[in-house]
């Protein structure tokens, strides 16, 4: 008997829109008071500074409006779990744009305010299933907003790591969305049912080839918290380090996710 086809996770359009706007607002509130010395701090993203990272976040969100201004493509081609890997080819160009915008924009708070206003305006006029023509492949507006929530949450963590004491808040729905998409990306990259990955309270997925678990306690279990999972999935934390320091619990012969990580960077 062929394995059962996995159901694609769906996301509520209204909650997803609200999550992106809320997390953008959280970032803006946190960086409002940063001084030039803090903006010049390095981040864990190569040679990118805090200033350049904030500019990148603005471009990440503004890409929604730019996509809505293009002609609608014929049909969607890119599934959500495939998006993190599909965007890797465009990372270099995005870094260059961020650096250019950061250098040309002294007032980052005003930049984020314009970005927030423009996003709200575009979303008010666009239906959730509007198709967008994107460099990585066509997607619906709601699906693309899911990826923007991922970008915002991942880079919120980067900002927190770069600026001591910044402590940006996480919108619960944005954090849940990010956790779930990256969990589904793992399940798509390592299909199977031998290992259960638990990221409470937001996600549980089955993955990795091998005997499928049907009842009782699974023989192979991985469990961690959302932020640790996000750092693992994006290469901010190495699998072996997370297991060694106890932020990941992994039991069973097929519980080593190291070969499958990171899912994106």
Protein backbone atom coordinates (compact mmCIF):
# COMPACT_ATOMS: atom_id res chain seq x y z
CA UNK A 1 0.00 0.00 0.00
CA UNK A 2 1.50 3.41 -0.94
CA UNK A 3 2.11 5.84 1.92
CA UNK A 4 -0.68 8.29 2.65
CA UNK A 5 -0.24 11.67 1.01
CA UNK A 6 0.53 14.35 3.57
CA UNK A 7 -2.00 17.14 3.79
CA UNK A 8 -0.66 20.62 3.09
CA UNK A 9 -1.01 22.94 6.06
CA UNK A 10 -3.20 25.97 5.46
CA UNK A 11 -2.93 29.39 7.10
CA UNK A 12 -5.73 31.74 8.02
CA UNK A 13 -5.45 34.83 5.78
CA UNK A 14 -6.60 37.36 8.38
CA UNK A 15 -4.38 35.98 11.15
CA UNK A 16 -1.40 35.81 8.83
CA UNK A 17 -1.82 39.42 7.72
CA UNK A 18 -2.18 40.53 11.33
CA UNK A 19 0.90 38.56 12.37
CA UNK A 20 3.13 40.19 9.75
CA UNK A 21 1.93 43.68 10.66
CA UNK A 22 2.28 42.98 14.39
CA UNK A 23 5.83 41.65 14.13
CA UNK A 24 6.88 44.54 11.91
CA UNK A 25 5.49 46.91 14.55
CA UNK A 26 7.43 45.04 17.25
CA UNK A 27 10.65 45.49 15.31
CA UNK A 28 9.98 49.17 14.72
CA UNK A 29 9.28 49.81 18.41
CA UNK A 30 12.45 48.00 19.44
CA UNK A 31 14.84 49.73 17.05
CA UNK A 32 13.32 53.21 17.47
CA UNK A 33 15.80 54.20 20.17
CA UNK A 34 18.96 52.59 18.75
CA UNK A 35 21.90 54.97 18.47
CA UNK A 36 24.53 55.08 15.73
CA UNK A 37 26.93 52.94 17.73
CA UNK A 38 24.31 50.21 18.12
CA UNK A 39 23.30 50.45 14.45
CA UNK A 40 26.92 49.86 13.48
CA UNK A 41 27.19 46.65 15.52
CA UNK A 42 27.97 43.45 13.59
CA UNK A 43 25.38 40.69 13.28
CA UNK A 44 25.80 36.96 12.89
CA UNK A 45 24.99 37.38 9.16
CA UNK A 46 28.49 37.70 7.77
CA UNK A 47 29.51 41.34 7.38
CA UNK A 48 25.98 42.73 7.67
CA UNK A 49 25.52 45.40 10.36
CA UNK A 50 22.42 46.06 12.46
CA UNK A 51 21.60 49.03 10.22
CA UNK A 52 21.78 46.82 7.13
CA UNK A 53 19.70 44.12 8.78
CA UNK A 54 16.94 46.62 9.57
CA UNK A 55 17.04 47.83 5.95
CA UNK A 56 16.76 44.20 4.85
CA UNK A 57 13.66 43.74 6.97
CA UNK A 58 12.09 46.77 5.33
CA UNK A 59 12.84 45.37 1.86
CA UNK A 60 11.52 41.96 2.91
CA UNK A 61 8.14 43.41 3.84
CA UNK A 62 8.05 45.94 0.98
CA UNK A 63 8.41 43.05 -1.49
CA UNK A 64 4.71 42.28 -0.85
CA UNK A 65 3.64 45.61 -2.32
CA UNK A 66 6.05 45.31 -5.24
CA UNK A 67 4.68 41.86 -6.07
CA UNK A 68 1.08 43.09 -5.90
CA UNK A 69 1.92 45.77 -8.47
CA UNK A 70 3.02 43.15 -11.03
CA UNK A 71 0.66 41.33 -13.36
CA UNK A 72 -0.93 38.24 -11.85
CA UNK A 73 0.63 34.95 -13.08
CA UNK A 74 -1.45 32.11 -14.47
CA UNK A 75 -1.18 29.74 -11.51
CA UNK A 76 0.85 29.07 -8.37
CA UNK A 77 3.97 26.93 -8.85
CA UNK A 78 5.78 27.02 -5.53
CA UNK A 79 4.59 25.06 -2.51
CA UNK A 80 5.16 26.73 0.85
CA UNK A 81 7.56 24.06 2.25
CA UNK A 82 9.74 24.50 -0.85
CA UNK A 83 10.11 28.26 -0.41
CA UNK A 84 13.01 28.38 2.12
CA UNK A 85 15.32 26.40 -0.17
CA UNK A 86 14.13 28.17 -3.33
CA UNK A 87 15.17 31.59 -2.06
CA UNK A 88 18.83 30.69 -1.43
CA UNK A 89 19.83 31.71 -4.96
CA UNK A 90 18.63 35.28 -4.35
CA UNK A 91 20.41 35.86 -1.02
CA UNK A 92 23.41 37.68 -2.52
CA UNK A 93 21.30 40.18 -4.41
CA UNK A 94 19.17 40.82 -1.32
CA UNK A 95 22.26 41.58 0.76
CA UNK A 96 23.44 44.10 -1.83
CA UNK A 97 20.07 45.86 -1.91
CA UNK A 98 20.00 46.03 1.88
CA UNK A 99 23.45 47.59 2.02
CA UNK A 100 22.50 50.20 -0.58
CA UNK A 101 19.23 51.10 1.16
CA UNK A 102 20.94 51.33 4.56
CA UNK A 103 23.55 53.70 3.18
CA UNK A 104 20.93 55.94 1.58
CA UNK A 105 18.52 56.02 4.54
CA UNK A 106 19.67 57.81 7.69
CA UNK A 107 16.24 57.63 9.39
CA UNK A 108 15.44 53.95 9.77
CA UNK A 109 12.43 54.61 11.99
CA UNK A 110 10.82 56.66 9.22
CA UNK A 111 11.69 53.90 6.73
CA UNK A 112 9.95 51.26 8.84
CA UNK A 113 6.96 53.56 9.37
CA UNK A 114 6.56 53.98 5.60
CA UNK A 115 6.98 50.25 5.11
CA UNK A 116 4.27 49.53 7.67
CA UNK A 117 1.86 52.05 6.14
CA UNK A 118 2.46 50.81 2.60
CA UNK A 119 1.93 47.19 3.60
CA UNK A 120 -1.35 47.96 5.38
CA UNK A 121 -2.55 49.91 2.33
CA UNK A 122 -1.69 47.14 -0.12
CA UNK A 123 -3.25 44.43 2.03
CA UNK A 124 -6.48 46.38 2.46
CA UNK A 125 -6.99 46.30 -1.30
CA UNK A 126 -5.81 42.77 -2.14
CA UNK A 127 -7.77 39.49 -1.83
CA UNK A 128 -5.93 36.73 0.07
CA UNK A 129 -5.81 34.34 -2.89
CA UNK A 130 -4.35 36.92 -5.29
CA UNK A 131 -1.44 35.26 -7.12
CA UNK A 132 1.98 36.90 -6.99
CA UNK A 133 4.80 36.59 -9.53
CA UNK A 134 7.94 36.12 -7.43
CA UNK A 135 11.59 35.34 -8.25
CA UNK A 136 11.37 31.92 -6.58
CA UNK A 137 8.00 31.01 -8.15
CA UNK A 138 4.36 32.09 -8.12
CA UNK A 139 2.47 31.95 -4.80
CA UNK A 140 -0.77 33.23 -3.33
CA UNK A 141 -0.66 36.41 -1.27
CA UNK A 142 -1.45 34.51 1.94
CA UNK A 143 1.34 31.99 1.31
CA UNK A 144 3.80 34.77 0.60
CA UNK A 145 2.80 36.54 3.80
CA UNK A 146 3.63 33.30 5.64
CA UNK A 147 7.16 33.57 4.28
CA UNK A 148 7.33 37.23 5.35
CA UNK A 149 6.38 36.18 8.88
CA UNK A 150 9.26 33.70 8.78
CA UNK A 151 11.71 36.39 7.65
CA UNK A 152 10.54 38.79 10.33
CA UNK A 153 10.81 36.25 13.14
CA UNK A 154 14.19 34.88 12.03
CA UNK A 155 15.69 38.36 11.75
CA UNK A 156 14.08 39.52 14.99
CA UNK A 157 16.18 36.82 16.63
CA UNK A 158 19.23 38.08 14.73
CA UNK A 159 18.61 41.60 16.05
CA UNK A 160 18.23 40.31 19.60
CA UNK A 161 21.54 38.47 19.27
CA UNK A 162 23.34 41.52 17.88
CA UNK A 163 22.18 44.25 20.29
CA UNK A 164 22.60 43.49 24.01
CA UNK A 165 19.42 44.14 25.96
CA UNK A 166 17.26 44.89 22.88
CA UNK A 167 14.69 42.16 23.62
CA UNK A 168 12.30 42.52 20.66
CA UNK A 169 8.86 41.06 21.36
CA UNK A 170 7.53 38.17 19.29
CA UNK A 171 3.97 38.16 18.05
CA UNK A 172 2.60 34.75 19.02
CA UNK A 173 0.98 34.09 15.64
CA UNK A 174 4.12 35.14 13.76
CA UNK A 175 6.27 32.83 15.91
CA UNK A 176 3.81 29.96 15.41
CA UNK A 177 3.74 30.52 11.65
CA UNK A 178 7.53 30.53 11.40
CA UNK A 179 7.85 27.39 13.51
CA UNK A 180 5.24 25.49 11.51
CA UNK A 181 6.56 26.35 8.07
CA UNK A 182 10.11 25.35 8.97
CA UNK A 183 8.81 22.11 10.52
CA UNK A 184 6.87 21.35 7.33
CA UNK A 185 9.99 22.13 5.30
CA UNK A 186 11.88 19.48 7.26
CA UNK A 187 9.09 16.96 6.65
CA UNK A 188 9.26 17.71 2.91
CA UNK A 189 13.07 17.47 2.82
CA UNK A 190 13.22 14.23 4.84
CA UNK A 191 9.91 12.48 4.09
CA UNK A 192 8.93 9.50 6.20
CA UNK A 193 7.22 8.53 9.40
CA UNK A 194 9.91 7.05 11.63
CA UNK A 195 10.74 10.18 13.63
CA UNK A 196 8.44 12.57 15.44
CA UNK A 197 9.62 16.16 15.81
CA UNK A 198 7.84 18.09 18.55
CA UNK A 199 8.09 21.87 18.88
CA UNK A 200 5.52 22.73 21.55
CA UNK A 201 3.18 24.46 21.56
CA UNK A 202 3.14 25.05 17.80
CA UNK A 203 4.10 22.03 15.71
CA UNK A 204 4.49 18.26 15.50
CA UNK A 205 5.66 16.59 12.28
CA UNK A 206 6.65 13.12 11.16
CA UNK A 207 9.78 12.72 9.03
CA UNK A 208 12.74 10.49 8.07
CA UNK A 209 12.44 7.20 6.21
CA UNK A 210 12.02 4.03 8.25
CA UNK A 211 9.35 2.03 10.07
CA UNK A 212 6.26 4.17 10.51
CA UNK A 213 5.08 4.74 14.06
CA UNK A 214 1.37 3.98 14.57
CA UNK A 215 0.60 3.96 18.32
CA UNK A 216 2.11 4.50 21.74
CA UNK A 217 5.35 6.36 22.35
CA UNK A 218 7.31 6.85 19.10
CA UNK A 219 10.72 5.10 19.07
CA UNK A 220 12.42 8.20 17.61
CA UNK A 221 11.57 11.57 19.11
CA UNK A 222 13.09 15.04 18.81
CA UNK A 223 11.78 17.85 20.99
CA UNK A 224 12.82 21.47 21.36
CA UNK A 225 11.43 24.98 21.84
CA UNK A 226 10.40 27.27 18.93
CA UNK A 227 13.40 29.63 18.94
CA UNK A 228 15.91 26.79 19.18
CA UNK A 229 14.15 25.06 16.29
CA UNK A 230 14.23 28.24 14.19
CA UNK A 231 17.96 28.66 14.87
CA UNK A 232 18.61 25.04 13.91
CA UNK A 233 16.53 25.28 10.75
CA UNK A 234 18.30 28.45 9.61
CA UNK A 235 21.86 27.49 10.52
CA UNK A 236 22.20 29.87 13.48
CA UNK A 237 22.78 26.90 15.80
CA UNK A 238 24.51 23.61 14.97
CA UNK A 239 22.61 20.40 15.68
CA UNK A 240 25.43 18.83 17.70
CA UNK A 241 25.73 21.94 19.89
CA UNK A 242 22.00 22.06 20.63
CA UNK A 243 21.99 18.39 21.61
CA UNK A 244 25.10 18.83 23.74
CA UNK A 245 23.73 21.80 25.69
CA UNK A 246 20.34 20.18 26.24
CA UNK A 247 18.20 22.63 24.26
CA UNK A 248 17.26 19.68 22.02
CA UNK A 249 16.14 16.31 23.31
CA UNK A 250 16.73 13.48 20.81
CA UNK A 251 16.09 9.80 21.44
CA UNK A 252 16.17 6.84 19.06
CA UNK A 253 18.48 5.67 16.29
CA UNK A 254 16.73 7.84 13.69
CA UNK A 255 16.54 10.99 15.83
CA UNK A 256 19.67 12.60 14.38
CA UNK A 257 18.46 15.52 12.26
CA UNK A 258 21.97 16.81 11.65
CA UNK A 259 22.14 15.52 8.04
CA UNK A 260 19.02 17.49 7.10
CA UNK A 261 19.89 20.83 8.70
CA UNK A 262 19.98 23.70 8.05
CA UNK A 263 16.93 24.03 5.83
CA UNK A 264 17.78 27.59 4.82
CA UNK A 265 20.12 30.41 5.83
